[in-house]
């Protein structure tokens, strides 16, 4: 007797760990295939490697973005899933094996994909070949699970019928954050004790230190805001890029505190009046709101259009002058009220429970 559900993705993403743990907790009959090696920005902790629901099969890497499961077809025969939910995009090579398996054995598969409407990959010969294969796999899928409503636009533009498009709003481990928030702990991080004694208005950035995040723009914004504001930068990146950022932020009120685990983040968010995301991202918006912090962001990955409601949960700005004007117009009480609304909105509409309920409903497990 095979598994009812098999999920396939390239990497073991930390942001999705809580979701899979939840599926396991409710005794969902599923298996997960992914690599369990740390590579590039993907860090896999030892405990995750021993999760009982992970089906370990052979794989190899091509660069930092591609994980190839060369014997996936034979693993599918052995596992015998009733339905398969598989990551799209850069997982397309593996998905062709999924397509063949489902075609031969009359099974169904679902593509789970962001749909990078915001990205421009060019129009080369190889890109055209890839897109033809990609669209073939999309059109033969039972459903396409999009990360946000903007992904629906992307897939409709590819000619996918709307009835196949399900918005499975991607989110973070709200169960874990709810527990962390319930534990009253006023601890101030050691490196910010002196700053907390002043009259600063703290803003926070949380995420990987990547050029696509447009982190440099925050140095310009800090200079525009003046000495009243202090930026906490949480995250890690390459030594070269971090050195560049340190130079860019010289002379501004800021601190780089490095990567922090979820359990540590609450102390930093507690200091912040608002969170800022000047470039690509998405889940950092969910995370900030779950910790009760409103978000000021520019164009991200589409998630901002589902999450950011002006003067309620945050603000979407078009340029730095716009961001500056909005920020200085708000009082500490305004930020506090927006933070409460942001937290309530996130847990009501974008919790890990609501995400799981949608997956269970549409996969009929």
Protein backbone atom coordinates (compact mmCIF):
# COMPACT_ATOMS: atom_id res chain seq x y z
CA UNK A 1 0.00 0.00 0.00
CA UNK A 2 1.55 3.30 -1.10
CA UNK A 3 1.51 6.72 0.48
CA UNK A 4 -1.48 8.96 -0.11
CA UNK A 5 0.69 12.04 -0.63
CA UNK A 6 4.26 12.60 -1.80
CA UNK A 7 5.81 16.08 -1.73
CA UNK A 8 8.92 16.77 -3.80
CA UNK A 9 11.12 19.85 -3.51
CA UNK A 10 14.77 20.55 -4.20
CA UNK A 11 15.88 21.63 -0.75
CA UNK A 12 14.77 21.28 2.86
CA UNK A 13 13.64 24.86 3.34
CA UNK A 14 13.64 26.09 6.94
CA UNK A 15 10.61 28.28 6.31
CA UNK A 16 8.53 25.22 5.43
CA UNK A 17 9.67 23.02 8.33
CA UNK A 18 6.79 24.04 10.57
CA UNK A 19 4.31 23.20 7.83
CA UNK A 20 5.68 19.67 7.37
CA UNK A 21 5.88 19.15 11.13
CA UNK A 22 2.22 20.11 11.32
CA UNK A 23 1.28 17.61 8.59
CA UNK A 24 3.16 14.98 10.57
CA UNK A 25 1.49 15.99 13.85
CA UNK A 26 -1.99 15.49 12.39
CA UNK A 27 -0.92 12.04 11.17
CA UNK A 28 -1.16 12.93 7.49
CA UNK A 29 -0.02 9.96 5.37
CA UNK A 30 2.77 11.64 3.43
CA UNK A 31 6.42 11.47 2.49
CA UNK A 32 8.81 14.26 1.52
CA UNK A 33 11.63 13.97 -1.01
CA UNK A 34 14.33 16.66 -0.94
CA UNK A 35 18.05 17.06 -0.47
CA UNK A 36 19.15 17.29 3.15
CA UNK A 37 22.52 18.94 2.49
CA UNK A 38 23.37 22.54 3.32
CA UNK A 39 24.26 24.46 0.17
CA UNK A 40 24.65 28.18 -0.36
CA UNK A 41 21.87 30.00 1.48
CA UNK A 42 20.15 26.73 2.42
CA UNK A 43 21.20 25.57 5.89
CA UNK A 44 19.87 22.21 7.10
CA UNK A 45 20.20 21.50 10.82
CA UNK A 46 21.04 17.98 12.01
CA UNK A 47 17.63 17.34 13.56
CA UNK A 48 15.91 18.04 10.24
CA UNK A 49 17.97 15.38 8.49
CA UNK A 50 16.35 12.71 10.66
CA UNK A 51 12.71 13.66 10.19
CA UNK A 52 10.69 10.46 9.85
CA UNK A 53 8.68 11.76 6.91
CA UNK A 54 11.74 12.41 4.70
CA UNK A 55 12.28 9.75 2.04
CA UNK A 56 16.01 9.65 1.39
CA UNK A 57 16.99 9.00 -2.21
CA UNK A 58 20.16 9.68 -4.21
CA UNK A 59 20.70 13.20 -5.56
CA UNK A 60 23.43 15.48 -6.83
CA UNK A 61 23.79 19.24 -7.31
CA UNK A 62 24.33 21.35 -10.39
CA UNK A 63 25.49 24.71 -9.08
CA UNK A 64 23.65 26.08 -6.03
CA UNK A 65 20.13 26.06 -7.47
CA UNK A 66 19.59 22.67 -9.05
CA UNK A 67 19.11 19.36 -7.27
CA UNK A 68 18.83 16.33 -9.54
CA UNK A 69 17.16 13.09 -8.43
CA UNK A 70 18.32 10.79 -11.26
CA UNK A 71 16.39 7.73 -10.05
CA UNK A 72 13.23 9.55 -9.02
CA UNK A 73 11.04 7.59 -11.45
CA UNK A 74 11.94 4.29 -9.78
CA UNK A 75 11.43 5.80 -6.33
CA UNK A 76 7.94 6.85 -7.39
CA UNK A 77 7.15 3.28 -8.41
CA UNK A 78 8.37 2.03 -5.02
CA UNK A 79 6.57 4.68 -2.93
CA UNK A 80 3.41 4.42 -5.05
CA UNK A 81 1.84 7.78 -4.06
CA UNK A 82 -1.81 8.48 -4.81
CA UNK A 83 -1.04 12.12 -5.53
CA UNK A 84 2.20 14.11 -5.89
CA UNK A 85 2.76 17.76 -4.98
CA UNK A 86 6.02 18.92 -6.52
CA UNK A 87 7.96 22.18 -6.56
CA UNK A 88 7.94 23.94 -9.93
CA UNK A 89 10.45 26.25 -11.60
CA UNK A 90 14.00 25.00 -11.10
CA UNK A 91 12.65 21.56 -10.23
CA UNK A 92 11.47 21.04 -13.82
CA UNK A 93 14.09 18.39 -14.65
CA UNK A 94 12.77 16.20 -11.84
CA UNK A 95 9.18 17.03 -12.72
CA UNK A 96 9.52 15.46 -16.15
CA UNK A 97 10.01 12.13 -14.36
CA UNK A 98 6.89 12.89 -12.29
CA UNK A 99 4.97 13.60 -15.50
CA UNK A 100 6.04 10.28 -17.06
CA UNK A 101 5.19 8.34 -13.90
CA UNK A 102 1.72 9.89 -13.66
CA UNK A 103 1.09 9.37 -17.37
CA UNK A 104 2.02 5.68 -17.24
CA UNK A 105 0.39 4.81 -13.91
CA UNK A 106 -2.58 7.18 -14.25
CA UNK A 107 -1.78 9.23 -11.15
CA UNK A 108 -2.12 12.97 -10.59
CA UNK A 109 0.38 15.66 -9.72
CA UNK A 110 0.19 19.26 -8.55
CA UNK A 111 2.83 21.94 -9.23
CA UNK A 112 3.70 24.13 -6.20
CA UNK A 113 5.36 27.24 -7.59
CA UNK A 114 5.97 30.91 -6.81
CA UNK A 115 5.48 32.05 -10.39
CA UNK A 116 8.16 34.70 -10.77
CA UNK A 117 6.09 37.42 -12.39
CA UNK A 118 8.58 40.01 -11.11
CA UNK A 119 11.60 38.42 -12.84
CA UNK A 120 12.94 38.82 -16.38
CA UNK A 121 14.90 35.76 -17.57
CA UNK A 122 15.38 36.90 -21.16
CA UNK A 123 14.32 35.14 -24.34
CA UNK A 124 17.26 32.94 -25.35
CA UNK A 125 16.91 29.68 -27.30
CA UNK A 126 17.47 27.59 -24.15
CA UNK A 127 14.96 29.69 -22.25
CA UNK A 128 12.35 29.05 -24.95
CA UNK A 129 13.00 25.28 -24.82
CA UNK A 130 12.73 25.33 -21.02
CA UNK A 131 9.49 27.33 -21.08
CA UNK A 132 7.90 24.90 -23.54
CA UNK A 133 8.66 21.98 -21.20
CA UNK A 134 7.60 24.01 -18.17
CA UNK A 135 4.23 24.93 -19.72
CA UNK A 136 3.66 21.30 -20.80
CA UNK A 137 4.09 20.16 -17.20
CA UNK A 138 1.84 22.94 -15.92
CA UNK A 139 -0.95 22.15 -18.36
CA UNK A 140 -0.99 18.44 -17.46
CA UNK A 141 -1.05 19.09 -13.70
CA UNK A 142 -4.22 18.71 -11.65
CA UNK A 143 -3.71 22.09 -9.97
CA UNK A 144 -1.06 24.75 -9.62
CA UNK A 145 -0.48 25.98 -6.08
CA UNK A 146 0.67 29.60 -6.26
CA UNK A 147 2.47 31.32 -3.39
CA UNK A 148 0.35 34.48 -3.64
CA UNK A 149 -2.30 36.18 -5.77
CA UNK A 150 0.34 37.75 -8.01
CA UNK A 151 1.47 34.28 -9.09
CA UNK A 152 -2.05 33.72 -10.41
CA UNK A 153 -1.47 36.55 -12.89
CA UNK A 154 1.79 34.96 -14.00
CA UNK A 155 0.27 31.55 -14.70
CA UNK A 156 -2.78 33.01 -16.46
CA UNK A 157 -0.39 34.87 -18.78
CA UNK A 158 1.19 31.50 -19.60
CA UNK A 159 -2.20 30.27 -20.81
CA UNK A 160 -3.13 28.21 -17.74
CA UNK A 161 -6.89 28.02 -17.13
CA UNK A 162 -8.00 29.86 -14.03
CA UNK A 163 -9.86 26.85 -12.58
CA UNK A 164 -6.49 25.10 -12.06
CA UNK A 165 -4.95 27.97 -10.11
CA UNK A 166 -5.11 27.71 -6.30
CA UNK A 167 -3.54 30.37 -4.10
CA UNK A 168 -1.90 28.44 -1.27
CA UNK A 169 -0.58 31.54 0.43
CA UNK A 170 2.94 30.72 1.53
CA UNK A 171 3.63 31.45 5.18
CA UNK A 172 5.96 30.81 8.10
CA UNK A 173 5.64 28.64 11.22
CA UNK A 174 2.89 30.64 12.93
CA UNK A 175 2.38 27.88 15.50
CA UNK A 176 5.94 28.32 16.74
CA UNK A 177 5.72 32.12 16.73
CA UNK A 178 2.43 32.02 18.61
CA UNK A 179 4.14 30.00 21.36
CA UNK A 180 7.11 32.38 21.43
CA UNK A 181 4.81 35.39 21.68
CA UNK A 182 2.91 33.81 24.57
CA UNK A 183 6.09 33.69 26.67
CA UNK A 184 6.54 37.17 28.11
CA UNK A 185 10.28 37.82 27.95
CA UNK A 186 11.39 41.49 28.02
CA UNK A 187 15.06 40.59 27.51
CA UNK A 188 16.95 43.16 25.42
CA UNK A 189 19.76 41.77 23.23
CA UNK A 190 23.14 42.48 24.82
CA UNK A 191 24.44 44.43 21.80
CA UNK A 192 21.47 46.84 21.93
CA UNK A 193 21.19 47.59 25.65
CA UNK A 194 22.85 51.02 25.40
CA UNK A 195 20.86 52.03 22.31
CA UNK A 196 17.60 50.98 24.00
CA UNK A 197 18.22 53.53 26.75
CA UNK A 198 17.96 56.37 24.25
CA UNK A 199 15.03 57.87 22.38
CA UNK A 200 15.58 56.00 19.14
CA UNK A 201 12.80 54.77 16.91
CA UNK A 202 14.02 51.32 15.87
CA UNK A 203 13.38 49.79 12.48
CA UNK A 204 14.41 46.26 11.58
CA UNK A 205 15.45 44.33 8.48
CA UNK A 206 15.44 40.53 8.69
CA UNK A 207 16.66 38.37 5.83
CA UNK A 208 19.65 37.07 3.91
CA UNK A 209 22.14 39.76 2.96
CA UNK A 210 21.77 39.66 -0.82
CA UNK A 211 22.00 42.32 -3.50
CA UNK A 212 18.45 41.51 -4.61
CA UNK A 213 17.26 42.79 -1.21
CA UNK A 214 18.48 46.32 -2.06
CA UNK A 215 19.89 46.68 1.43
CA UNK A 216 22.11 49.61 0.39
CA UNK A 217 19.03 51.76 -0.11
CA UNK A 218 18.36 51.64 3.63
CA UNK A 219 21.59 53.57 4.26
CA UNK A 220 20.25 56.38 2.09
CA UNK A 221 16.91 56.23 3.89
CA UNK A 222 18.61 56.41 7.30
CA UNK A 223 20.43 59.58 6.27
CA UNK A 224 17.12 61.05 5.14
CA UNK A 225 15.40 60.11 8.41
CA UNK A 226 18.14 61.52 10.63
CA UNK A 227 19.58 60.62 14.03
CA UNK A 228 16.22 59.80 15.59
CA UNK A 229 16.04 56.42 13.80
CA UNK A 230 18.14 53.31 14.37
CA UNK A 231 18.27 50.28 12.02
CA UNK A 232 18.75 46.70 13.25
CA UNK A 233 19.97 44.42 10.44
CA UNK A 234 19.42 40.72 11.12
CA UNK A 235 20.87 38.24 8.65
CA UNK A 236 24.03 36.89 7.12
CA UNK A 237 25.75 37.00 3.75
CA UNK A 238 29.12 36.61 2.08
CA UNK A 239 32.10 38.31 3.80
CA UNK A 240 32.70 40.45 0.70
CA UNK A 241 29.15 41.76 0.53
CA UNK A 242 28.97 42.35 4.29
CA UNK A 243 32.16 44.41 4.05
CA UNK A 244 30.61 46.48 1.25
CA UNK A 245 27.50 47.07 3.35
CA UNK A 246 29.52 48.11 6.40
CA UNK A 247 31.20 50.76 4.26
CA UNK A 248 27.89 51.90 2.76
CA UNK A 249 26.26 52.29 6.20
CA UNK A 250 29.23 54.10 7.76
CA UNK A 251 28.07 57.18 9.66
CA UNK A 252 24.47 56.00 10.13
CA UNK A 253 22.67 54.61 13.17
CA UNK A 254 22.72 50.88 12.49
CA UNK A 255 23.95 47.52 13.74
CA UNK A 256 24.58 44.20 11.99
CA UNK A 257 23.66 41.44 14.45
CA UNK A 258 24.10 38.46 12.12
CA UNK A 259 21.83 35.45 11.66
CA UNK A 260 19.40 34.71 14.48
CA UNK A 261 17.23 31.67 15.14
CA UNK A 262 13.48 32.07 15.45
CA UNK A 263 13.73 31.77 19.23
CA UNK A 264 16.02 34.81 19.32
CA UNK A 265 14.10 37.03 16.91
CA UNK A 266 11.37 38.00 19.34
CA UNK A 267 13.83 40.12 21.35
CA UNK A 268 14.80 42.13 18.27
CA UNK A 269 11.26 42.54 16.96
CA UNK A 270 10.18 43.74 20.41
CA UNK A 271 12.45 46.76 20.00
CA UNK A 272 11.27 47.62 16.50
CA UNK A 273 8.47 50.05 15.67
CA UNK A 274 8.35 48.75 12.11
CA UNK A 275 10.09 46.36 9.74
CA UNK A 276 11.48 47.34 6.35
CA UNK A 277 11.96 45.30 3.17
CA UNK A 278 13.39 47.38 0.31
CA UNK A 279 13.89 44.54 -2.21
CA UNK A 280 12.92 40.99 -3.05
CA UNK A 281 11.47 38.77 -0.38
CA UNK A 282 8.10 37.75 0.91
CA UNK A 283 8.18 35.53 3.95
CA UNK A 284 9.97 38.18 5.98
CA UNK A 285 6.73 40.18 5.66
CA UNK A 286 4.76 37.29 7.16
CA UNK A 287 7.32 36.88 9.91
CA UNK A 288 7.36 40.54 10.91
CA UNK A 289 3.57 40.69 11.04
CA UNK A 290 3.40 37.47 13.08
CA UNK A 291 5.71 39.11 15.62
CA UNK A 292 3.38 42.12 15.78
CA UNK A 293 5.47 44.50 13.67
CA UNK A 294 4.03 46.43 10.67
CA UNK A 295 6.00 46.33 7.40
CA UNK A 296 7.20 49.10 5.12
CA UNK A 297 8.26 47.58 1.82
CA UNK A 298 8.85 48.20 -1.84
CA UNK A 299 8.05 45.68 -4.58
CA UNK A 300 8.84 42.20 -3.20
CA UNK A 301 7.75 38.86 -4.72
CA UNK A 302 4.03 39.59 -4.90
CA UNK A 303 3.21 38.59 -1.33
CA UNK A 304 3.14 42.24 -0.30
CA UNK A 305 -0.07 42.77 -2.30
CA UNK A 306 -1.83 40.11 -0.22
CA UNK A 307 -0.41 41.19 3.12
CA UNK A 308 0.17 44.95 3.19
CA UNK A 309 -2.89 47.12 3.76
CA UNK A 310 -2.06 50.82 3.92
CA UNK A 311 -2.24 52.21 7.47
CA UNK A 312 -3.47 48.84 8.71
CA UNK A 313 -0.59 46.34 8.38
CA UNK A 314 2.04 48.54 6.74
CA UNK A 315 2.78 50.51 3.61
CA UNK A 316 4.11 49.80 0.10
CA UNK A 317 6.35 52.60 -1.14
CA UNK A 318 7.44 53.42 -4.67
CA UNK A 319 10.62 55.39 -3.95
CA UNK A 320 12.70 56.45 -0.96
CA UNK A 321 11.14 59.92 -0.73
CA UNK A 322 7.77 58.21 -0.51
CA UNK A 323 9.02 55.87 2.25
CA UNK A 324 10.59 58.80 4.13
CA UNK A 325 7.42 60.88 4.05
CA UNK A 326 5.30 57.99 5.26
CA UNK A 327 7.63 56.98 8.09
CA UNK A 328 8.01 60.47 9.58
CA UNK A 329 4.23 60.94 9.47
CA UNK A 330 3.71 58.13 11.99
CA UNK A 331 3.86 58.37 15.76
CA UNK A 332 4.96 55.56 18.14
CA UNK A 333 1.27 54.97 18.91
CA UNK A 334 0.50 54.65 15.19
CA UNK A 335 3.16 51.97 14.81
CA UNK A 336 1.88 50.11 17.86
CA UNK A 337 -1.70 50.08 16.58
CA UNK A 338 -0.59 48.95 13.13
CA UNK A 339 1.49 46.19 14.69
CA UNK A 340 -1.53 44.81 16.50
CA UNK A 341 -3.59 44.86 13.30
CA UNK A 342 -0.74 43.23 11.35
CA UNK A 343 -0.46 40.39 13.86
CA UNK A 344 -4.22 39.81 13.89
CA UNK A 345 -4.45 39.86 10.09
CA UNK A 346 -1.57 37.41 9.65
CA UNK A 347 -2.85 34.85 12.14
CA UNK A 348 -6.41 35.14 10.86
CA UNK A 349 -5.70 34.91 7.14
CA UNK A 350 -2.21 33.50 6.60
CA UNK A 351 -1.50 31.01 9.37
CA UNK A 352 0.19 27.67 8.81
CA UNK A 353 -3.12 26.05 9.75
CA UNK A 354 -5.01 27.82 6.95
CA UNK A 355 -2.27 26.90 4.49
CA UNK A 356 -2.46 23.25 5.55
CA UNK A 357 -6.27 23.16 5.37
CA UNK A 358 -6.15 24.33 1.77
CA UNK A 359 -3.56 21.73 0.82
CA UNK A 360 -5.55 18.93 2.44
CA UNK A 361 -8.77 20.07 0.77
CA UNK A 362 -7.41 20.31 -2.77
CA UNK A 363 -5.19 17.24 -2.60
CA UNK A 364 -8.12 15.28 -1.13
CA UNK A 365 -6.00 13.53 1.49
